[in-house]
Amino acid sequence: MKALKQFSIPFTGLKLGKHQFEFDIDKSFFDAFEYSLVKDGVLKATVELDKQETMLILHFQIEGTVQLNCDKCLAEFPQLIEITERQIIKFAEDNLESDDLEIIVLSKKESAIDVSELIYEFTTVAIPYINKCEQVNKECDQEMIATLTKLASGSTEKEEEQNDDPRWAALKKLK
């Protein structure tokens, strides 16, 4: 996770009020997460940290493109992403769990917060469930669709040939 070290925000030395941080996200960011849905992309994340006495409020603005694969023809295409999110961080001495997904509870001993996982989660959730070339006004690769159709239809014919066992043919005649 050495590539994600730059996404740590030290908040102990900051004065009360708003502070802005900018992060550039590229392929190395997504490579740091195992089993990432996104393999490549160019994004810019702006994090506004509002430091208060007992908590931190983070406002995320993430914009850019990620490379996705079409579910229909397997072609790669760029998908625009625009995300605006908020995360609240509270400090506590003992109970470090929160039922609210928008609130993270940190120990008072913490001096920095790593925003890489938050940025990754926000980006992953913003990706459409079904990815098609039509989303970006691009036509699917017809050659690949024809190949996939040919392979799909060829496999069912082979299965039918394998199921034609002479013993079963004799049993089918009994009907």
C-alpha atoms as a PDB file:
ATOM      1  CA  MET A   1       0.000   0.000   0.000  1.00  0.00           C
ATOM      2  CA  LYS A   2       3.010   2.284  -0.449  1.00  0.00           C
ATOM      3  CA  ALA A   3       1.340   3.854  -3.492  1.00  0.00           C
ATOM      4  CA  LEU A   4      -1.500   5.075  -1.260  1.00  0.00           C
ATOM      5  CA  LYS A   5       0.702   6.849   1.295  1.00  0.00           C
ATOM      6  CA  GLN A   6       0.055  10.199  -0.399  1.00  0.00           C
ATOM      7  CA  PHE A   7      -3.670   9.905   0.440  1.00  0.00           C
ATOM      8  CA  SER A   8      -3.053  10.350   4.164  1.00  0.00           C
ATOM      9  CA  ILE A   9      -4.161  13.718   5.568  1.00  0.00           C
ATOM     10  CA  PRO A  10      -2.434  14.784   8.821  1.00  0.00           C
ATOM     11  CA  PHE A  11      -5.016  16.839  10.696  1.00  0.00           C
ATOM     12  CA  THR A  12      -3.364  17.408  14.087  1.00  0.00           C
ATOM     13  CA  GLY A  13      -1.344  20.448  13.020  1.00  0.00           C
ATOM     14  CA  LEU A  14      -4.215  22.100  11.148  1.00  0.00           C
ATOM     15  CA  LYS A  15      -6.090  25.098  12.528  1.00  0.00           C
ATOM     16  CA  LEU A  16      -9.852  24.987  13.006  1.00  0.00           C
ATOM     17  CA  GLY A  17     -11.690  25.743   9.755  1.00  0.00           C
ATOM     18  CA  LYS A  18     -11.661  24.556   6.163  1.00  0.00           C
ATOM     19  CA  HIS A  19      -8.632  23.123   4.374  1.00  0.00           C
ATOM     20  CA  GLN A  20      -8.468  21.813   0.806  1.00  0.00           C
ATOM     21  CA  PHE A  21      -6.467  18.861  -0.509  1.00  0.00           C
ATOM     22  CA  GLU A  22      -6.154  17.613  -4.098  1.00  0.00           C
ATOM     23  CA  PHE A  23      -5.243  14.119  -5.222  1.00  0.00           C
ATOM     24  CA  ASP A  24      -4.504  12.751  -8.693  1.00  0.00           C
ATOM     25  CA  ILE A  25      -5.764   9.214  -9.265  1.00  0.00           C
ATOM     26  CA  ASP A  26      -4.435   6.934 -11.986  1.00  0.00           C
ATOM     27  CA  LYS A  27      -3.827   3.254 -12.761  1.00  0.00           C
ATOM     28  CA  SER A  28      -1.406   2.803  -9.843  1.00  0.00           C
ATOM     29  CA  PHE A  29      -4.174   3.826  -7.406  1.00  0.00           C
ATOM     30  CA  PHE A  30      -6.537   1.101  -8.656  1.00  0.00           C
ATOM     31  CA  ASP A  31      -3.692  -1.460  -8.825  1.00  0.00           C
ATOM     32  CA  ALA A  32      -3.194  -1.011  -5.068  1.00  0.00           C
ATOM     33  CA  PHE A  33      -6.654  -2.499  -4.441  1.00  0.00           C
ATOM     34  CA  GLU A  34      -6.901  -6.233  -4.971  1.00  0.00           C
ATOM     35  CA  TYR A  35      -9.885  -7.393  -7.090  1.00  0.00           C
ATOM     36  CA  SER A  36     -10.714  -3.828  -8.152  1.00  0.00           C
ATOM     37  CA  LEU A  37     -13.586  -3.461 -10.632  1.00  0.00           C
ATOM     38  CA  VAL A  38     -11.777  -0.488 -12.145  1.00  0.00           C
ATOM     39  CA  LYS A  39      -8.399  -1.266 -13.679  1.00  0.00           C
ATOM     40  CA  ASP A  40      -7.519   2.146 -15.108  1.00  0.00           C
ATOM     41  CA  GLY A  41      -8.685   5.720 -14.963  1.00  0.00           C
ATOM     42  CA  VAL A  42      -7.694   9.349 -14.646  1.00  0.00           C
ATOM     43  CA  LEU A  43      -9.492  11.144 -11.840  1.00  0.00           C
ATOM     44  CA  LYS A  44      -8.978  14.247  -9.763  1.00  0.00           C
ATOM     45  CA  ALA A  45     -10.224  14.176  -6.175  1.00  0.00           C
ATOM     46  CA  THR A  46     -10.667  17.375  -4.204  1.00  0.00           C
ATOM     47  CA  VAL A  47     -11.160  16.867  -0.478  1.00  0.00           C
ATOM     48  CA  GLU A  48     -12.299  19.782   1.660  1.00  0.00           C
ATOM     49  CA  LEU A  49     -11.592  19.111   5.327  1.00  0.00           C
ATOM     50  CA  ASP A  50     -13.612  21.173   7.796  1.00  0.00           C
ATOM     51  CA  LYS A  51     -11.842  20.816  11.153  1.00  0.00           C
ATOM     52  CA  GLN A  52     -14.000  21.435  14.198  1.00  0.00           C
ATOM     53  CA  GLU A  53     -13.442  20.932  17.927  1.00  0.00           C
ATOM     54  CA  THR A  54     -14.872  17.407  18.171  1.00  0.00           C
ATOM     55  CA  MET A  55     -15.060  16.216  14.585  1.00  0.00           C
ATOM     56  CA  LEU A  56     -13.898  16.503  11.001  1.00  0.00           C
ATOM     57  CA  ILE A  57     -16.236  16.905   8.040  1.00  0.00           C
ATOM     58  CA  LEU A  58     -14.857  15.775   4.684  1.00  0.00           C
ATOM     59  CA  HIS A  59     -16.445  16.877   1.408  1.00  0.00           C
ATOM     60  CA  PHE A  60     -15.313  14.855  -1.620  1.00  0.00           C
ATOM     61  CA  GLN A  61     -15.511  16.073  -5.218  1.00  0.00           C
ATOM     62  CA  ILE A  62     -14.216  13.412  -7.633  1.00  0.00           C
ATOM     63  CA  GLU A  63     -14.217  13.962 -11.408  1.00  0.00           C
ATOM     64  CA  GLY A  64     -12.638  12.226 -14.376  1.00  0.00           C
ATOM     65  CA  THR A  65     -12.882   9.097 -16.489  1.00  0.00           C
ATOM     66  CA  VAL A  66     -12.456   5.413 -15.759  1.00  0.00           C
ATOM     67  CA  GLN A  67     -11.848   2.680 -18.318  1.00  0.00           C
ATOM     68  CA  LEU A  68     -14.615   0.060 -18.358  1.00  0.00           C
ATOM     69  CA  ASN A  69     -15.275  -3.044 -20.462  1.00  0.00           C
ATOM     70  CA  CYS A  70     -18.522  -3.406 -22.371  1.00  0.00           C
ATOM     71  CA  ASP A  71     -20.591  -6.303 -21.039  1.00  0.00           C
ATOM     72  CA  LYS A  72     -21.863  -7.031 -24.548  1.00  0.00           C
ATOM     73  CA  CYS A  73     -18.808  -6.890 -26.833  1.00  0.00           C
ATOM     74  CA  LEU A  74     -15.933  -6.742 -24.286  1.00  0.00           C
ATOM     75  CA  ALA A  75     -14.526  -3.533 -25.841  1.00  0.00           C
ATOM     76  CA  GLU A  76     -12.918  -0.978 -23.554  1.00  0.00           C
ATOM     77  CA  PHE A  77     -14.466   2.485 -23.315  1.00  0.00           C
ATOM     78  CA  PRO A  78     -14.034   5.579 -21.115  1.00  0.00           C
ATOM     79  CA  GLN A  79     -16.858   6.385 -18.648  1.00  0.00           C
ATOM     80  CA  LEU A  80     -17.193   9.869 -17.159  1.00  0.00           C
ATOM     81  CA  ILE A  81     -17.501   9.950 -13.375  1.00  0.00           C
ATOM     82  CA  GLU A  82     -18.657  12.888 -11.238  1.00  0.00           C
ATOM     83  CA  ILE A  83     -19.032  12.260  -7.513  1.00  0.00           C
ATOM     84  CA  THR A  84     -19.964  14.538  -4.621  1.00  0.00           C
ATOM     85  CA  GLU A  85     -19.945  12.896  -1.182  1.00  0.00           C
ATOM     86  CA  ARG A  86     -19.627  13.807   2.487  1.00  0.00           C
ATOM     87  CA  GLN A  87     -18.043  11.895   5.359  1.00  0.00           C
ATOM     88  CA  ILE A  88     -18.100  12.806   9.062  1.00  0.00           C
ATOM     89  CA  ILE A  89     -15.296  11.757  11.407  1.00  0.00           C
ATOM     90  CA  LYS A  90     -15.853  11.885  15.165  1.00  0.00           C
ATOM     91  CA  PHE A  91     -13.335  11.339  17.918  1.00  0.00           C
ATOM     92  CA  ALA A  92     -13.937   9.036  20.887  1.00  0.00           C
ATOM     93  CA  GLU A  93     -11.857   7.422  23.592  1.00  0.00           C
ATOM     94  CA  ASP A  94     -13.512   4.025  23.867  1.00  0.00           C
ATOM     95  CA  ASN A  95     -16.496   3.055  21.660  1.00  0.00           C
ATOM     96  CA  LEU A  96     -14.888   3.059  18.204  1.00  0.00           C
ATOM     97  CA  GLU A  97     -17.901   1.750  16.282  1.00  0.00           C
ATOM     98  CA  SER A  98     -20.733   3.649  14.656  1.00  0.00           C
ATOM     99  CA  ASP A  99     -24.012   2.356  13.237  1.00  0.00           C
ATOM    100  CA  ASP A 100     -24.248   5.274  10.815  1.00  0.00           C
ATOM    101  CA  LEU A 101     -22.378   4.684   7.533  1.00  0.00           C
ATOM    102  CA  GLU A 102     -21.744   8.401   7.136  1.00  0.00           C
ATOM    103  CA  ILE A 103     -19.841   8.617  10.441  1.00  0.00           C
ATOM    104  CA  ILE A 104     -16.385   7.193  11.083  1.00  0.00           C
ATOM    105  CA  VAL A 105     -15.203   7.070  14.689  1.00  0.00           C
ATOM    106  CA  LEU A 106     -11.478   7.523  15.337  1.00  0.00           C
ATOM    107  CA  SER A 107      -9.461   7.343  18.503  1.00  0.00           C
ATOM    108  CA  LYS A 108      -8.366  10.671  19.961  1.00  0.00           C
ATOM    109  CA  LYS A 109      -4.781   9.420  19.612  1.00  0.00           C
ATOM    110  CA  GLU A 110      -5.001   9.382  15.790  1.00  0.00           C
ATOM    111  CA  SER A 111      -3.135  12.151  13.998  1.00  0.00           C
ATOM    112  CA  ALA A 112      -3.993  11.478  10.333  1.00  0.00           C
ATOM    113  CA  ILE A 113      -6.746   9.967   8.215  1.00  0.00           C
ATOM    114  CA  ASP A 114      -6.267   7.875   5.086  1.00  0.00           C
ATOM    115  CA  VAL A 115      -8.851   8.880   2.460  1.00  0.00           C
ATOM    116  CA  SER A 116      -7.752   6.355  -0.199  1.00  0.00           C
ATOM    117  CA  GLU A 117     -10.332   3.731   0.783  1.00  0.00           C
ATOM    118  CA  LEU A 118     -13.100   6.336   0.844  1.00  0.00           C
ATOM    119  CA  ILE A 119     -12.153   7.587  -2.628  1.00  0.00           C
ATOM    120  CA  TYR A 120     -11.984   3.991  -3.892  1.00  0.00           C
ATOM    121  CA  GLU A 121     -15.419   3.133  -2.455  1.00  0.00           C
ATOM    122  CA  PHE A 122     -17.064   6.287  -3.821  1.00  0.00           C
ATOM    123  CA  THR A 123     -15.577   5.619  -7.282  1.00  0.00           C
ATOM    124  CA  THR A 124     -16.578   1.952  -7.305  1.00  0.00           C
ATOM    125  CA  VAL A 125     -20.149   2.718  -6.253  1.00  0.00           C
ATOM    126  CA  ALA A 126     -20.455   5.364  -9.005  1.00  0.00           C
ATOM    127  CA  ILE A 127     -19.770   2.815 -11.755  1.00  0.00           C
ATOM    128  CA  PRO A 128     -22.940   1.693 -13.575  1.00  0.00           C
ATOM    129  CA  TYR A 129     -24.079  -1.847 -12.818  1.00  0.00           C
ATOM    130  CA  ILE A 130     -24.342  -2.711 -16.517  1.00  0.00           C
ATOM    131  CA  ASN A 131     -21.652  -1.335 -18.823  1.00  0.00           C
ATOM    132  CA  LYS A 132     -22.387  -0.950 -22.520  1.00  0.00           C
ATOM    133  CA  CYS A 133     -20.747   1.004 -25.322  1.00  0.00           C
ATOM    134  CA  GLU A 134     -24.076   2.782 -25.920  1.00  0.00           C
ATOM    135  CA  GLN A 135     -23.585   4.665 -22.621  1.00  0.00           C
ATOM    136  CA  VAL A 136     -20.918   6.778 -24.308  1.00  0.00           C
ATOM    137  CA  ASN A 137     -22.632   6.906 -27.723  1.00  0.00           C
ATOM    138  CA  LYS A 138     -20.250   4.331 -29.146  1.00  0.00           C
ATOM    139  CA  GLU A 139     -21.259   1.337 -31.249  1.00  0.00           C
ATOM    140  CA  CYS A 140     -20.392  -2.173 -30.068  1.00  0.00           C
ATOM    141  CA  ASP A 141     -17.727  -4.144 -31.921  1.00  0.00           C
ATOM    142  CA  GLN A 142     -19.864  -6.141 -34.392  1.00  0.00           C
ATOM    143  CA  GLU A 143     -16.998  -8.487 -35.265  1.00  0.00           C
ATOM    144  CA  MET A 144     -16.628  -9.489 -31.607  1.00  0.00           C
ATOM    145  CA  ILE A 145     -20.397  -9.938 -31.185  1.00  0.00           C
ATOM    146  CA  ALA A 146     -20.463 -12.209 -34.272  1.00  0.00           C
ATOM    147  CA  THR A 147     -17.563 -14.259 -32.864  1.00  0.00           C
ATOM    148  CA  LEU A 148     -19.244 -14.580 -29.464  1.00  0.00           C
ATOM    149  CA  THR A 149     -22.534 -15.600 -31.084  1.00  0.00           C
ATOM    150  CA  LYS A 150     -20.760 -18.199 -33.216  1.00  0.00           C
ATOM    151  CA  LEU A 151     -18.941 -19.652 -30.210  1.00  0.00           C
ATOM    152  CA  ALA A 152     -22.105 -19.697 -28.104  1.00  0.00           C
ATOM    153  CA  SER A 153     -24.152 -21.494 -30.759  1.00  0.00           C
ATOM    154  CA  GLY A 154     -21.331 -23.959 -31.528  1.00  0.00           C
ATOM    155  CA  SER A 155     -21.090 -25.110 -27.923  1.00  0.00           C
ATOM    156  CA  THR A 156     -24.791 -26.037 -27.705  1.00  0.00           C
ATOM    157  CA  GLU A 157     -24.554 -28.137 -30.867  1.00  0.00           C
ATOM    158  CA  LYS A 158     -21.622 -30.089 -29.427  1.00  0.00           C
ATOM    159  CA  GLU A 159     -23.535 -30.714 -26.202  1.00  0.00           C
ATOM    160  CA  GLU A 160     -26.478 -32.094 -28.177  1.00  0.00           C
ATOM    161  CA  GLU A 161     -24.141 -34.388 -30.128  1.00  0.00           C
ATOM    162  CA  GLN A 162     -22.638 -35.699 -26.890  1.00  0.00           C
ATOM    163  CA  ASN A 163     -26.101 -36.360 -25.460  1.00  0.00           C
ATOM    164  CA  ASP A 164     -26.999 -38.597 -28.443  1.00  0.00           C
ATOM    165  CA  ASP A 165     -25.899 -41.813 -26.767  1.00  0.00           C
ATOM    166  CA  PRO A 166     -27.298 -44.942 -28.528  1.00  0.00           C
ATOM    167  CA  ARG A 167     -28.512 -46.328 -25.196  1.00  0.00           C
ATOM    168  CA  TRP A 168     -30.673 -43.248 -24.663  1.00  0.00           C
ATOM    169  CA  ALA A 169     -31.955 -43.431 -28.226  1.00  0.00           C
ATOM    170  CA  ALA A 170     -33.287 -46.917 -27.509  1.00  0.00           C
ATOM    171  CA  LEU A 171     -35.038 -45.657 -24.380  1.00  0.00           C
ATOM    172  CA  LYS A 172     -36.566 -42.718 -26.265  1.00  0.00           C
ATOM    173  CA  LYS A 173     -38.168 -45.179 -28.705  1.00  0.00           C
ATOM    174  CA  LEU A 174     -40.113 -46.739 -25.819  1.00  0.00           C
ATOM    175  CA  LYS A 175     -42.196 -43.568 -25.421  1.00  0.00           C
END
